[in-house]
PDB file of N, CA and C in Angstrom:
ATOM      1  N   MET A   1       0.437  -1.299   0.167  1.00  0.00           N
ATOM      2  CA  MET A   1      -0.145   0.604  -0.024  1.00  0.00           C
ATOM      3  C   MET A   1       0.958   1.315   0.184  1.00  0.00           C
ATOM      4  N   ARG A   2       2.114   1.747   0.797  1.00  0.00           N
ATOM      5  CA  ARG A   2       2.786   2.517   0.893  1.00  0.00           C
ATOM      6  C   ARG A   2       3.667   2.661  -0.563  1.00  0.00           C
ATOM      7  N   ASP A   3       3.987   1.483  -0.821  1.00  0.00           N
ATOM      8  CA  ASP A   3       4.569   1.618  -2.390  1.00  0.00           C
ATOM      9  C   ASP A   3       3.892   2.195  -3.675  1.00  0.00           C
ATOM     10  N   GLU A   4       2.088   1.704  -3.456  1.00  0.00           N
ATOM     11  CA  GLU A   4       1.567   1.889  -4.591  1.00  0.00           C
ATOM     12  C   GLU A   4       0.978   3.442  -4.178  1.00  0.00           C
ATOM     13  N   ILE A   5       0.452   3.689  -3.027  1.00  0.00           N
ATOM     14  CA  ILE A   5      -0.047   5.126  -2.701  1.00  0.00           C
ATOM     15  C   ILE A   5       0.861   6.194  -2.433  1.00  0.00           C
ATOM     16  N   GLY A   6       1.455   5.607  -1.211  1.00  0.00           N
ATOM     17  CA  GLY A   6       2.019   6.566  -0.912  1.00  0.00           C
ATOM     18  C   GLY A   6       1.352   7.166   1.005  1.00  0.00           C
ATOM     19  N   THR A   7       1.345   8.521   0.882  1.00  0.00           N
ATOM     20  CA  THR A   7       0.737   8.810   1.876  1.00  0.00           C
ATOM     21  C   THR A   7      -0.895   9.454   1.823  1.00  0.00           C
ATOM     22  N   ILE A   8      -1.830   8.642   2.516  1.00  0.00           N
ATOM     23  CA  ILE A   8      -2.548   8.119   2.215  1.00  0.00           C
ATOM     24  C   ILE A   8      -3.600   9.392   3.137  1.00  0.00           C
ATOM     25  N   TYR A   9      -3.081   9.512   4.230  1.00  0.00           N
ATOM     26  CA  TYR A   9      -3.771  10.843   5.469  1.00  0.00           C
ATOM     27  C   TYR A   9      -2.373  11.495   5.742  1.00  0.00           C
ATOM     28  N   GLU A  10      -2.387  13.033   6.216  1.00  0.00           N
ATOM     29  CA  GLU A  10      -2.238  14.038   5.890  1.00  0.00           C
ATOM     30  C   GLU A  10      -2.032  14.577   7.749  1.00  0.00           C
ATOM     31  N   ASP A  11      -1.639  14.691   8.684  1.00  0.00           N
ATOM     32  CA  ASP A  11      -1.688  15.527   9.957  1.00  0.00           C
ATOM     33  C   ASP A  11      -2.699  16.629   9.594  1.00  0.00           C
ATOM     34  N   ALA A  12      -2.130  17.828   8.535  1.00  0.00           N
ATOM     35  CA  ALA A  12      -3.512  18.963   8.664  1.00  0.00           C
ATOM     36  C   ALA A  12      -5.011  18.643   8.340  1.00  0.00           C
ATOM     37  N   ALA A  13      -5.012  17.375   7.856  1.00  0.00           N
ATOM     38  CA  ALA A  13      -6.612  16.786   7.937  1.00  0.00           C
ATOM     39  C   ALA A  13      -7.287  16.701   9.317  1.00  0.00           C
ATOM     40  N   PHE A  14      -5.976  16.490   9.960  1.00  0.00           N
ATOM     41  CA  PHE A  14      -6.609  16.577  11.651  1.00  0.00           C
ATOM     42  C   PHE A  14      -6.845  17.349  12.372  1.00  0.00           C
ATOM     43  N   ALA A  15      -6.071  18.527  12.045  1.00  0.00           N
ATOM     44  CA  ALA A  15      -5.416  19.633  12.776  1.00  0.00           C
ATOM     45  C   ALA A  15      -6.511  19.845  14.012  1.00  0.00           C
ATOM     46  N   GLU A  16      -7.766  20.920  13.672  1.00  0.00           N
ATOM     47  CA  GLU A  16      -8.998  20.782  13.630  1.00  0.00           C
ATOM     48  C   GLU A  16      -9.018  20.305  15.079  1.00  0.00           C
ATOM     49  N   LEU A  17      -8.915  19.068  15.072  1.00  0.00           N
ATOM     50  CA  LEU A  17      -9.247  17.742  16.366  1.00  0.00           C
ATOM     51  C   LEU A  17      -8.197  17.818  17.543  1.00  0.00           C
ATOM     52  N   TYR A  18      -7.468  19.038  17.762  1.00  0.00           N
ATOM     53  CA  TYR A  18      -5.911  18.860  18.674  1.00  0.00           C
ATOM     54  C   TYR A  18      -6.204  20.886  18.976  1.00  0.00           C
ATOM     55  N   SER A  19      -5.676  20.533  19.980  1.00  0.00           N
ATOM     56  CA  SER A  19      -5.211  21.862  20.691  1.00  0.00           C
ATOM     57  C   SER A  19      -3.903  22.206  19.937  1.00  0.00           C
ATOM     58  N   LYS A  20      -3.842  23.631  19.771  1.00  0.00           N
ATOM     59  CA  LYS A  20      -2.990  24.257  19.537  1.00  0.00           C
ATOM     60  C   LYS A  20      -1.497  24.132  20.356  1.00  0.00           C
ATOM     61  N   GLU A  21      -1.940  23.928  21.554  1.00  0.00           N
ATOM     62  CA  GLU A  21      -0.913  23.979  22.450  1.00  0.00           C
ATOM     63  C   GLU A  21      -0.298  23.147  22.977  1.00  0.00           C
ATOM     64  N   GLY A  22       0.636  22.798  23.833  1.00  0.00           N
ATOM     65  CA  GLY A  22       1.279  21.653  24.212  1.00  0.00           C
ATOM     66  C   GLY A  22       2.029  20.931  23.194  1.00  0.00           C
ATOM     67  N   GLN A  23       2.569  19.419  24.174  1.00  0.00           N
ATOM     68  CA  GLN A  23       3.316  18.940  23.101  1.00  0.00           C
ATOM     69  C   GLN A  23       2.733  18.290  22.011  1.00  0.00           C
ATOM     70  N   PRO A  24       3.423  18.068  21.065  1.00  0.00           N
ATOM     71  CA  PRO A  24       2.935  17.323  20.513  1.00  0.00           C
ATOM     72  C   PRO A  24       2.708  15.926  20.657  1.00  0.00           C
ATOM     73  N   GLY A  25       1.710  15.435  19.968  1.00  0.00           N
ATOM     74  CA  GLY A  25       1.014  14.151  20.609  1.00  0.00           C
ATOM     75  C   GLY A  25       1.811  12.670  19.325  1.00  0.00           C
ATOM     76  N   LEU A  26       1.250  12.226  18.913  1.00  0.00           N
ATOM     77  CA  LEU A  26       1.541  11.512  18.273  1.00  0.00           C
ATOM     78  C   LEU A  26       0.877  11.785  16.230  1.00  0.00           C
ATOM     79  N   ALA A  27       1.420  11.431  15.601  1.00  0.00           N
ATOM     80  CA  ALA A  27       1.031  11.843  14.136  1.00  0.00           C
ATOM     81  C   ALA A  27      -0.333  11.537  13.698  1.00  0.00           C
ATOM     82  N   THR A  28      -0.893  12.160  13.371  1.00  0.00           N
ATOM     83  CA  THR A  28      -2.454  11.676  13.261  1.00  0.00           C
ATOM     84  C   THR A  28      -2.336  10.996  12.034  1.00  0.00           C
ATOM     85  N   TRP A  29      -1.650  11.157  10.811  1.00  0.00           N
ATOM     86  CA  TRP A  29      -2.131  10.470   9.679  1.00  0.00           C
ATOM     87  C   TRP A  29      -1.847   8.643  10.188  1.00  0.00           C
ATOM     88  N   ARG A  30      -0.831   8.874  11.200  1.00  0.00           N
ATOM     89  CA  ARG A  30      -0.180   7.584  11.465  1.00  0.00           C
ATOM     90  C   ARG A  30      -1.426   6.746  12.318  1.00  0.00           C
ATOM     91  N   LEU A  31      -2.566   7.435  13.676  1.00  0.00           N
ATOM     92  CA  LEU A  31      -3.305   6.733  13.714  1.00  0.00           C
ATOM     93  C   LEU A  31      -4.361   6.259  13.064  1.00  0.00           C
ATOM     94  N   ALA A  32      -5.169   7.661  12.030  1.00  0.00           N
ATOM     95  CA  ALA A  32      -5.837   6.780  11.441  1.00  0.00           C
ATOM     96  C   ALA A  32      -5.686   6.183  10.135  1.00  0.00           C
ATOM     97  N   LEU A  33      -4.537   5.322   9.613  1.00  0.00           N
ATOM     98  CA  LEU A  33      -4.023   4.230   9.346  1.00  0.00           C
ATOM     99  C   LEU A  33      -3.771   3.382   9.374  1.00  0.00           C
ATOM    100  N   ILE A  34      -3.606   2.817  11.002  1.00  0.00           N
ATOM    101  CA  ILE A  34      -3.395   2.189  12.291  1.00  0.00           C
ATOM    102  C   ILE A  34      -4.644   2.015  11.996  1.00  0.00           C
ATOM    103  N   THR A  35      -6.178   2.684  11.907  1.00  0.00           N
ATOM    104  CA  THR A  35      -7.395   2.244  13.149  1.00  0.00           C
ATOM    105  C   THR A  35      -7.637   2.241  11.225  1.00  0.00           C
ATOM    106  N   VAL A  36      -7.658   2.683  10.182  1.00  0.00           N
ATOM    107  CA  VAL A  36      -8.065   1.465   9.238  1.00  0.00           C
ATOM    108  C   VAL A  36      -7.389  -0.806   8.930  1.00  0.00           C
ATOM    109  N   LEU A  37      -6.125  -0.260   9.434  1.00  0.00           N
ATOM    110  CA  LEU A  37      -5.945  -1.450   9.210  1.00  0.00           C
ATOM    111  C   LEU A  37      -6.049  -2.285  10.437  1.00  0.00           C
ATOM    112  N   GLN A  38      -6.669  -1.507  11.300  1.00  0.00           N
ATOM    113  CA  GLN A  38      -7.339  -2.299  12.786  1.00  0.00           C
ATOM    114  C   GLN A  38      -8.676  -2.615  12.265  1.00  0.00           C
ATOM    115  N   PHE A  39      -9.197  -1.914  11.487  1.00  0.00           N
ATOM    116  CA  PHE A  39     -10.683  -2.418  11.020  1.00  0.00           C
ATOM    117  C   PHE A  39     -10.540  -3.593  10.389  1.00  0.00           C
ATOM    118  N   MET A  40      -9.682  -3.494   9.147  1.00  0.00           N
ATOM    119  CA  MET A  40      -9.134  -4.377   8.416  1.00  0.00           C
ATOM    120  C   MET A  40      -9.228  -5.746   8.667  1.00  0.00           C
ATOM    121  N   GLU A  41      -8.310  -5.711   9.463  1.00  0.00           N
ATOM    122  CA  GLU A  41      -7.920  -6.638  10.518  1.00  0.00           C
ATOM    123  C   GLU A  41      -8.567  -7.806  12.000  1.00  0.00           C
ATOM    124  N   GLY A  42      -9.395  -6.886  11.483  1.00  0.00           N
ATOM    125  CA  GLY A  42     -10.162  -7.062  13.050  1.00  0.00           C
ATOM    126  C   GLY A  42      -9.763  -7.151  14.930  1.00  0.00           C
ATOM    127  N   LEU A  43      -8.671  -6.118  14.641  1.00  0.00           N
ATOM    128  CA  LEU A  43      -7.925  -6.395  15.582  1.00  0.00           C
ATOM    129  C   LEU A  43      -8.706  -5.189  16.817  1.00  0.00           C
ATOM    130  N   SER A  44      -8.317  -5.339  18.413  1.00  0.00           N
ATOM    131  CA  SER A  44      -8.651  -4.506  19.323  1.00  0.00           C
ATOM    132  C   SER A  44      -7.910  -3.169  19.294  1.00  0.00           C
ATOM    133  N   ASP A  45      -7.975  -2.818  20.251  1.00  0.00           N
ATOM    134  CA  ASP A  45      -6.540  -1.779  20.197  1.00  0.00           C
ATOM    135  C   ASP A  45      -5.374  -1.623  20.739  1.00  0.00           C
ATOM    136  N   ARG A  46      -5.680  -3.027  21.602  1.00  0.00           N
ATOM    137  CA  ARG A  46      -4.362  -3.417  22.438  1.00  0.00           C
ATOM    138  C   ARG A  46      -3.593  -4.053  20.765  1.00  0.00           C
ATOM    139  N   GLN A  47      -4.755  -5.091  20.410  1.00  0.00           N
ATOM    140  CA  GLN A  47      -3.680  -6.178  19.342  1.00  0.00           C
ATOM    141  C   GLN A  47      -2.993  -5.052  18.111  1.00  0.00           C
ATOM    142  N   ALA A  48      -3.927  -3.798  17.718  1.00  0.00           N
ATOM    143  CA  ALA A  48      -3.311  -3.081  16.769  1.00  0.00           C
ATOM    144  C   ALA A  48      -2.078  -2.054  17.444  1.00  0.00           C
ATOM    145  N   ALA A  49      -1.712  -1.926  18.348  1.00  0.00           N
ATOM    146  CA  ALA A  49      -0.645  -1.105  19.065  1.00  0.00           C
ATOM    147  C   ALA A  49       0.303  -2.067  18.910  1.00  0.00           C
ATOM    148  N   GLU A  50      -0.063  -3.065  19.388  1.00  0.00           N
ATOM    149  CA  GLU A  50       1.378  -5.092  19.328  1.00  0.00           C
ATOM    150  C   GLU A  50       1.671  -4.935  17.640  1.00  0.00           C
ATOM    151  N   MET A  51       0.434  -4.895  16.990  1.00  0.00           N
ATOM    152  CA  MET A  51       0.930  -4.888  15.418  1.00  0.00           C
ATOM    153  C   MET A  51       2.379  -3.831  14.968  1.00  0.00           C
ATOM    154  N   VAL A  52       1.765  -2.476  15.812  1.00  0.00           N
ATOM    155  CA  VAL A  52       2.864  -1.408  15.068  1.00  0.00           C
ATOM    156  C   VAL A  52       4.200  -1.481  15.854  1.00  0.00           C
ATOM    157  N   ARG A  53       4.197  -2.268  17.280  1.00  0.00           N
ATOM    158  CA  ARG A  53       5.450  -2.632  18.188  1.00  0.00           C
ATOM    159  C   ARG A  53       6.073  -3.879  17.189  1.00  0.00           C
ATOM    160  N   SER A  54       5.956  -5.018  17.074  1.00  0.00           N
ATOM    161  CA  SER A  54       6.545  -6.363  16.639  1.00  0.00           C
ATOM    162  C   SER A  54       5.962  -6.734  14.994  1.00  0.00           C
ATOM    163  N   ARG A  55       5.355  -5.846  13.936  1.00  0.00           N
ATOM    164  CA  ARG A  55       5.201  -6.329  12.973  1.00  0.00           C
ATOM    165  C   ARG A  55       5.966  -5.181  11.785  1.00  0.00           C
ATOM    166  N   ILE A  56       6.834  -5.900  11.479  1.00  0.00           N
ATOM    167  CA  ILE A  56       7.777  -5.314  10.293  1.00  0.00           C
ATOM    168  C   ILE A  56       6.988  -4.512   8.997  1.00  0.00           C
ATOM    169  N   ASP A  57       6.194  -5.027   8.824  1.00  0.00           N
ATOM    170  CA  ASP A  57       5.384  -4.617   7.750  1.00  0.00           C
ATOM    171  C   ASP A  57       4.695  -3.161   7.788  1.00  0.00           C
ATOM    172  N   TRP A  58       3.787  -3.313   9.324  1.00  0.00           N
ATOM    173  CA  TRP A  58       3.485  -2.384   9.563  1.00  0.00           C
ATOM    174  C   TRP A  58       4.010  -1.170  10.211  1.00  0.00           C
ATOM    175  N   LYS A  59       5.628  -1.941  10.398  1.00  0.00           N
ATOM    176  CA  LYS A  59       6.545  -0.285  10.441  1.00  0.00           C
ATOM    177  C   LYS A  59       6.776   0.118   9.044  1.00  0.00           C
ATOM    178  N   TYR A  60       6.892  -0.232   8.008  1.00  0.00           N
ATOM    179  CA  TYR A  60       7.022   0.085   6.988  1.00  0.00           C
ATOM    180  C   TYR A  60       6.100   0.721   6.010  1.00  0.00           C
ATOM    181  N   LEU A  61       5.071   0.188   6.508  1.00  0.00           N
ATOM    182  CA  LEU A  61       3.731   1.171   6.099  1.00  0.00           C
ATOM    183  C   LEU A  61       3.747   2.274   6.514  1.00  0.00           C
ATOM    184  N   LEU A  62       3.870   2.598   8.011  1.00  0.00           N
ATOM    185  CA  LEU A  62       3.740   4.064   8.779  1.00  0.00           C
ATOM    186  C   LEU A  62       4.891   4.617   9.150  1.00  0.00           C
ATOM    187  N   GLY A  63       6.421   4.207   8.006  1.00  0.00           N
ATOM    188  CA  GLY A  63       7.100   4.718   7.770  1.00  0.00           C
ATOM    189  C   GLY A  63       7.714   5.254   9.425  1.00  0.00           C
ATOM    190  N   LEU A  64       7.986   3.912  10.009  1.00  0.00           N
ATOM    191  CA  LEU A  64       8.740   3.806  11.386  1.00  0.00           C
ATOM    192  C   LEU A  64       9.904   3.159  11.854  1.00  0.00           C
ATOM    193  N   GLU A  65      10.991   3.236  12.210  1.00  0.00           N
ATOM    194  CA  GLU A  65      12.054   3.063  12.629  1.00  0.00           C
ATOM    195  C   GLU A  65      12.239   1.383  12.883  1.00  0.00           C
ATOM    196  N   LEU A  66      12.602   0.704  12.516  1.00  0.00           N
ATOM    197  CA  LEU A  66      12.211  -0.651  13.042  1.00  0.00           C
ATOM    198  C   LEU A  66      13.064  -0.787  14.811  1.00  0.00           C
ATOM    199  N   ARG A  67      13.390   0.012  15.125  1.00  0.00           N
ATOM    200  CA  ARG A  67      12.965  -0.051  17.098  1.00  0.00           C
ATOM    201  C   ARG A  67      12.340   0.600  17.717  1.00  0.00           C
ATOM    202  N   ASP A  68      11.564   1.162  16.605  1.00  0.00           N
ATOM    203  CA  ASP A  68      10.190   1.982  17.264  1.00  0.00           C
ATOM    204  C   ASP A  68       9.421   1.321  18.197  1.00  0.00           C
ATOM    205  N   SER A  69       9.476   2.215  19.468  1.00  0.00           N
ATOM    206  CA  SER A  69       8.778   1.132  20.452  1.00  0.00           C
ATOM    207  C   SER A  69       7.034   1.153  20.814  1.00  0.00           C
ATOM    208  N   GLY A  70       6.805   1.992  19.418  1.00  0.00           N
ATOM    209  CA  GLY A  70       5.057   1.985  19.352  1.00  0.00           C
ATOM    210  C   GLY A  70       4.238   3.028  20.474  1.00  0.00           C
ATOM    211  N   PHE A  71       2.760   2.669  21.172  1.00  0.00           N
ATOM    212  CA  PHE A  71       2.735   3.649  21.823  1.00  0.00           C
ATOM    213  C   PHE A  71       1.572   2.986  22.270  1.00  0.00           C
ATOM    214  N   ASP A  72       0.925   3.488  23.038  1.00  0.00           N
ATOM    215  CA  ASP A  72      -0.014   3.102  24.525  1.00  0.00           C
ATOM    216  C   ASP A  72      -1.438   3.037  23.394  1.00  0.00           C
ATOM    217  N   TYR A  73      -2.071   1.875  23.529  1.00  0.00           N
ATOM    218  CA  TYR A  73      -3.185   1.251  22.699  1.00  0.00           C
ATOM    219  C   TYR A  73      -4.249   2.692  22.888  1.00  0.00           C
ATOM    220  N   THR A  74      -4.231   2.915  24.203  1.00  0.00           N
ATOM    221  CA  THR A  74      -5.525   3.853  24.420  1.00  0.00           C
ATOM    222  C   THR A  74      -5.364   5.228  23.413  1.00  0.00           C
ATOM    223  N   ALA A  75      -4.415   5.331  22.814  1.00  0.00           N
ATOM    224  CA  ALA A  75      -4.370   6.524  21.542  1.00  0.00           C
ATOM    225  C   ALA A  75      -5.492   6.183  20.927  1.00  0.00           C
ATOM    226  N   LEU A  76      -5.624   5.109  20.698  1.00  0.00           N
ATOM    227  CA  LEU A  76      -6.588   4.913  19.724  1.00  0.00           C
ATOM    228  C   LEU A  76      -8.003   5.067  19.686  1.00  0.00           C
ATOM    229  N   CYS A  77      -7.913   4.635  21.043  1.00  0.00           N
ATOM    230  CA  CYS A  77      -9.914   5.278  21.287  1.00  0.00           C
ATOM    231  C   CYS A  77      -9.836   6.716  21.190  1.00  0.00           C
ATOM    232  N   GLU A  78      -9.095   7.523  21.525  1.00  0.00           N
ATOM    233  CA  GLU A  78      -9.272   8.625  22.036  1.00  0.00           C
ATOM    234  C   GLU A  78      -9.120   9.303  21.094  1.00  0.00           C
ATOM    235  N   PHE A  79      -8.120   8.692  19.905  1.00  0.00           N
ATOM    236  CA  PHE A  79      -8.394   9.251  18.633  1.00  0.00           C
ATOM    237  C   PHE A  79      -9.549   9.159  17.471  1.00  0.00           C
ATOM    238  N   ARG A  80     -10.127   7.834  18.068  1.00  0.00           N
ATOM    239  CA  ARG A  80     -11.767   7.736  17.129  1.00  0.00           C
ATOM    240  C   ARG A  80     -12.409   8.364  18.171  1.00  0.00           C
ATOM    241  N   GLY A  81     -12.361   8.941  19.623  1.00  0.00           N
ATOM    242  CA  GLY A  81     -13.403   9.367  19.790  1.00  0.00           C
ATOM    243  C   GLY A  81     -13.002  11.466  19.114  1.00  0.00           C
ATOM    244  N   ARG A  82     -12.439  11.684  18.950  1.00  0.00           N
ATOM    245  CA  ARG A  82     -12.175  12.883  18.476  1.00  0.00           C
ATOM    246  C   ARG A  82     -12.495  12.989  16.742  1.00  0.00           C
ATOM    247  N   LEU A  83     -12.577  12.188  16.461  1.00  0.00           N
ATOM    248  CA  LEU A  83     -13.198  11.487  14.964  1.00  0.00           C
ATOM    249  C   LEU A  83     -14.743  11.897  14.999  1.00  0.00           C
ATOM    250  N   VAL A  84     -15.507  10.960  15.887  1.00  0.00           N
ATOM    251  CA  VAL A  84     -16.697  11.585  15.843  1.00  0.00           C
ATOM    252  C   VAL A  84     -17.122  12.858  16.751  1.00  0.00           C
ATOM    253  N   LYS A  85     -16.361  13.233  17.738  1.00  0.00           N
ATOM    254  CA  LYS A  85     -16.609  14.602  17.848  1.00  0.00           C
ATOM    255  C   LYS A  85     -16.349  15.491  17.602  1.00  0.00           C
ATOM    256  N   GLY A  86     -15.953  15.672  16.134  1.00  0.00           N
ATOM    257  CA  GLY A  86     -15.354  16.398  15.716  1.00  0.00           C
ATOM    258  C   GLY A  86     -15.972  16.483  14.070  1.00  0.00           C
ATOM    259  N   SER A  87     -17.078  15.651  14.096  1.00  0.00           N
ATOM    260  CA  SER A  87     -18.135  14.571  12.907  1.00  0.00           C
ATOM    261  C   SER A  87     -17.296  14.530  11.988  1.00  0.00           C
ATOM    262  N   VAL A  88     -15.779  13.966  11.540  1.00  0.00           N
ATOM    263  CA  VAL A  88     -15.020  13.836  10.727  1.00  0.00           C
ATOM    264  C   VAL A  88     -14.648  12.415  10.541  1.00  0.00           C
ATOM    265  N   GLU A  89     -15.795  11.535  10.618  1.00  0.00           N
ATOM    266  CA  GLU A  89     -15.236  10.474  11.037  1.00  0.00           C
ATOM    267  C   GLU A  89     -15.789   9.778   9.400  1.00  0.00           C
ATOM    268  N   GLU A  90     -15.809  10.254   8.587  1.00  0.00           N
ATOM    269  CA  GLU A  90     -16.117   9.384   7.235  1.00  0.00           C
ATOM    270  C   GLU A  90     -14.688   9.531   6.767  1.00  0.00           C
ATOM    271  N   LEU A  91     -13.823  10.653   7.235  1.00  0.00           N
ATOM    272  CA  LEU A  91     -12.666  11.350   6.832  1.00  0.00           C
ATOM    273  C   LEU A  91     -12.034  10.169   6.433  1.00  0.00           C
ATOM    274  N   LEU A  92     -11.459   8.857   7.096  1.00  0.00           N
ATOM    275  CA  LEU A  92     -10.780   7.779   6.786  1.00  0.00           C
ATOM    276  C   LEU A  92     -11.420   7.386   5.579  1.00  0.00           C
ATOM    277  N   LEU A  93     -12.456   6.738   5.364  1.00  0.00           N
ATOM    278  CA  LEU A  93     -12.404   5.868   4.227  1.00  0.00           C
ATOM    279  C   LEU A  93     -12.921   7.516   3.366  1.00  0.00           C
ATOM    280  N   ASP A  94     -13.258   7.971   3.395  1.00  0.00           N
ATOM    281  CA  ASP A  94     -13.655   8.988   1.987  1.00  0.00           C
ATOM    282  C   ASP A  94     -12.005   9.183   1.048  1.00  0.00           C
ATOM    283  N   ARG A  95     -11.056   9.701   2.315  1.00  0.00           N
ATOM    284  CA  ARG A  95      -9.937   9.787   1.740  1.00  0.00           C
ATOM    285  C   ARG A  95      -9.296   8.777   1.055  1.00  0.00           C
ATOM    286  N   LEU A  96      -9.724   7.546   1.616  1.00  0.00           N
ATOM    287  CA  LEU A  96      -8.619   6.476   1.199  1.00  0.00           C
ATOM    288  C   LEU A  96      -9.481   5.944  -0.169  1.00  0.00           C
ATOM    289  N   LEU A  97     -10.544   6.057  -0.278  1.00  0.00           N
ATOM    290  CA  LEU A  97     -11.506   5.784  -1.328  1.00  0.00           C
ATOM    291  C   LEU A  97     -11.066   6.688  -2.490  1.00  0.00           C
ATOM    292  N   GLU A  98     -10.695   7.847  -2.356  1.00  0.00           N
ATOM    293  CA  GLU A  98     -10.169   8.566  -3.079  1.00  0.00           C
ATOM    294  C   GLU A  98      -8.732   8.793  -3.466  1.00  0.00           C
ATOM    295  N   GLN A  99      -8.130   8.372  -3.212  1.00  0.00           N
ATOM    296  CA  GLN A  99      -6.626   7.765  -3.319  1.00  0.00           C
ATOM    297  C   GLN A  99      -6.851   6.738  -3.949  1.00  0.00           C
ATOM    298  N   LEU A 100      -7.467   6.014  -4.050  1.00  0.00           N
ATOM    299  CA  LEU A 100      -7.715   4.345  -4.838  1.00  0.00           C
ATOM    300  C   LEU A 100      -8.334   4.665  -6.304  1.00  0.00           C
ATOM    301  N   ARG A 101      -8.947   5.949  -6.410  1.00  0.00           N
ATOM    302  CA  ARG A 101     -10.061   6.161  -7.352  1.00  0.00           C
ATOM    303  C   ARG A 101      -9.261   6.852  -8.344  1.00  0.00           C
ATOM    304  N   GLU A 102      -7.983   7.826  -7.441  1.00  0.00           N
ATOM    305  CA  GLU A 102      -7.390   8.467  -8.372  1.00  0.00           C
ATOM    306  C   GLU A 102      -6.047   7.386  -9.360  1.00  0.00           C
ATOM    307  N   ARG A 103      -6.145   6.595  -8.499  1.00  0.00           N
ATOM    308  CA  ARG A 103      -4.934   5.754  -9.022  1.00  0.00           C
ATOM    309  C   ARG A 103      -5.541   4.219  -9.906  1.00  0.00           C
ATOM    310  N   LYS A 104      -6.684   4.520 -10.097  1.00  0.00           N
ATOM    311  CA  LYS A 104      -7.734   3.433 -10.784  1.00  0.00           C
ATOM    312  C   LYS A 104      -7.366   2.374 -10.204  1.00  0.00           C
ATOM    313  N   MET A 105      -7.468   2.289  -8.938  1.00  0.00           N
ATOM    314  CA  MET A 105      -7.476   0.999  -8.398  1.00  0.00           C
ATOM    315  C   MET A 105      -8.644   0.377  -8.291  1.00  0.00           C
ATOM    316  N   ILE A 106      -9.638   1.026  -8.009  1.00  0.00           N
ATOM    317  CA  ILE A 106     -11.223   0.562  -7.925  1.00  0.00           C
ATOM    318  C   ILE A 106     -11.725   1.633  -9.247  1.00  0.00           C
ATOM    319  N   LYS A 107     -12.851   0.811  -9.628  1.00  0.00           N
ATOM    320  CA  LYS A 107     -13.550   1.592 -10.753  1.00  0.00           C
ATOM    321  C   LYS A 107     -14.887   2.609  -9.996  1.00  0.00           C
ATOM    322  N   VAL A 108     -14.889   3.354 -10.798  1.00  0.00           N
ATOM    323  CA  VAL A 108     -16.145   4.528 -10.020  1.00  0.00           C
ATOM    324  C   VAL A 108     -17.735   4.218 -10.722  1.00  0.00           C
ATOM    325  N   LYS A 109     -18.304   3.708  -9.830  1.00  0.00           N
ATOM    326  CA  LYS A 109     -19.503   3.371 -10.792  1.00  0.00           C
ATOM    327  C   LYS A 109     -20.788   4.359 -10.344  1.00  0.00           C
ATOM    328  N   GLY A 110     -21.264   4.525 -11.087  1.00  0.00           N
ATOM    329  CA  GLY A 110     -22.994   4.902 -10.914  1.00  0.00           C
ATOM    330  C   GLY A 110     -23.584   4.826  -9.803  1.00  0.00           C
ATOM    331  N   LYS A 111     -24.803   5.611  -9.407  1.00  0.00           N
ATOM    332  CA  LYS A 111     -25.768   5.761  -8.394  1.00  0.00           C
ATOM    333  C   LYS A 111     -25.748   4.145  -8.262  1.00  0.00           C
ATOM    334  N   GLN A 112     -26.427   3.151  -7.230  1.00  0.00           N
ATOM    335  CA  GLN A 112     -26.683   2.140  -7.279  1.00  0.00           C
ATOM    336  C   GLN A 112     -28.414   2.311  -6.711  1.00  0.00           C
ATOM    337  N   GLY A 113     -28.706   1.478  -7.996  1.00  0.00           N
ATOM    338  CA  GLY A 113     -30.215   1.715  -7.355  1.00  0.00           C
ATOM    339  C   GLY A 113     -31.100   0.259  -6.712  1.00  0.00           C
ATOM    340  N   VAL A 114     -31.918   0.247  -5.960  1.00  0.00           N
ATOM    341  CA  VAL A 114     -32.616  -0.802  -5.129  1.00  0.00           C
ATOM    342  C   VAL A 114     -33.769  -1.363  -6.172  1.00  0.00           C
ATOM    343  N   PRO A 115     -33.658  -2.696  -6.411  1.00  0.00           N
ATOM    344  CA  PRO A 115     -34.132  -3.109  -7.238  1.00  0.00           C
ATOM    345  C   PRO A 115     -35.465  -3.396  -6.712  1.00  0.00           C
ATOM    346  N   SER A 116     -36.782  -3.278  -7.987  1.00  0.00           N
ATOM    347  CA  SER A 116     -38.362  -3.666  -7.389  1.00  0.00           C
ATOM    348  C   SER A 116     -38.608  -4.709  -7.831  1.00  0.00           C
ATOM    349  N   ASN A 117     -39.605  -4.812  -6.648  1.00  0.00           N
ATOM    350  CA  ASN A 117     -40.233  -6.458  -6.652  1.00  0.00           C
ATOM    351  C   ASN A 117     -41.208  -6.283  -7.778  1.00  0.00           C
ATOM    352  N   ALA A 118     -42.036  -5.323  -7.524  1.00  0.00           N
ATOM    353  CA  ALA A 118     -43.054  -4.705  -8.640  1.00  0.00           C
ATOM    354  C   ALA A 118     -42.922  -5.546 -10.238  1.00  0.00           C
ATOM    355  N   GLU A 119     -43.651  -5.542 -10.348  1.00  0.00           N
ATOM    356  CA  GLU A 119     -43.598  -6.743 -11.993  1.00  0.00           C
ATOM    357  C   GLU A 119     -44.565  -6.058 -12.931  1.00  0.00           C
TER     358      GLU A 119
END
């Protein structure tokens, strides 16, 4: 995915969800990508955080050093909470689909209709 698409999410897309004060936290583009991977793999927050710590392919996708120690799993729940509170939870899927469409990795289809049972 990283080789084909590059960076899907950017921190700027989530800037309004975080305070401008204080120390910078985890890169929000990484949390967004981890959230998508977590959903795809059916993982709990703890399991997703462990994947970041232990899987080379996840580290590569996230642009992390091999020795990166990861993060506390609670950051994922907090991130999702901020998405919902800011009413931007659809941003994750929308941005991914946009990137896939631009690279013609998925086809754009017309409106889906509901078949009628009336004959």
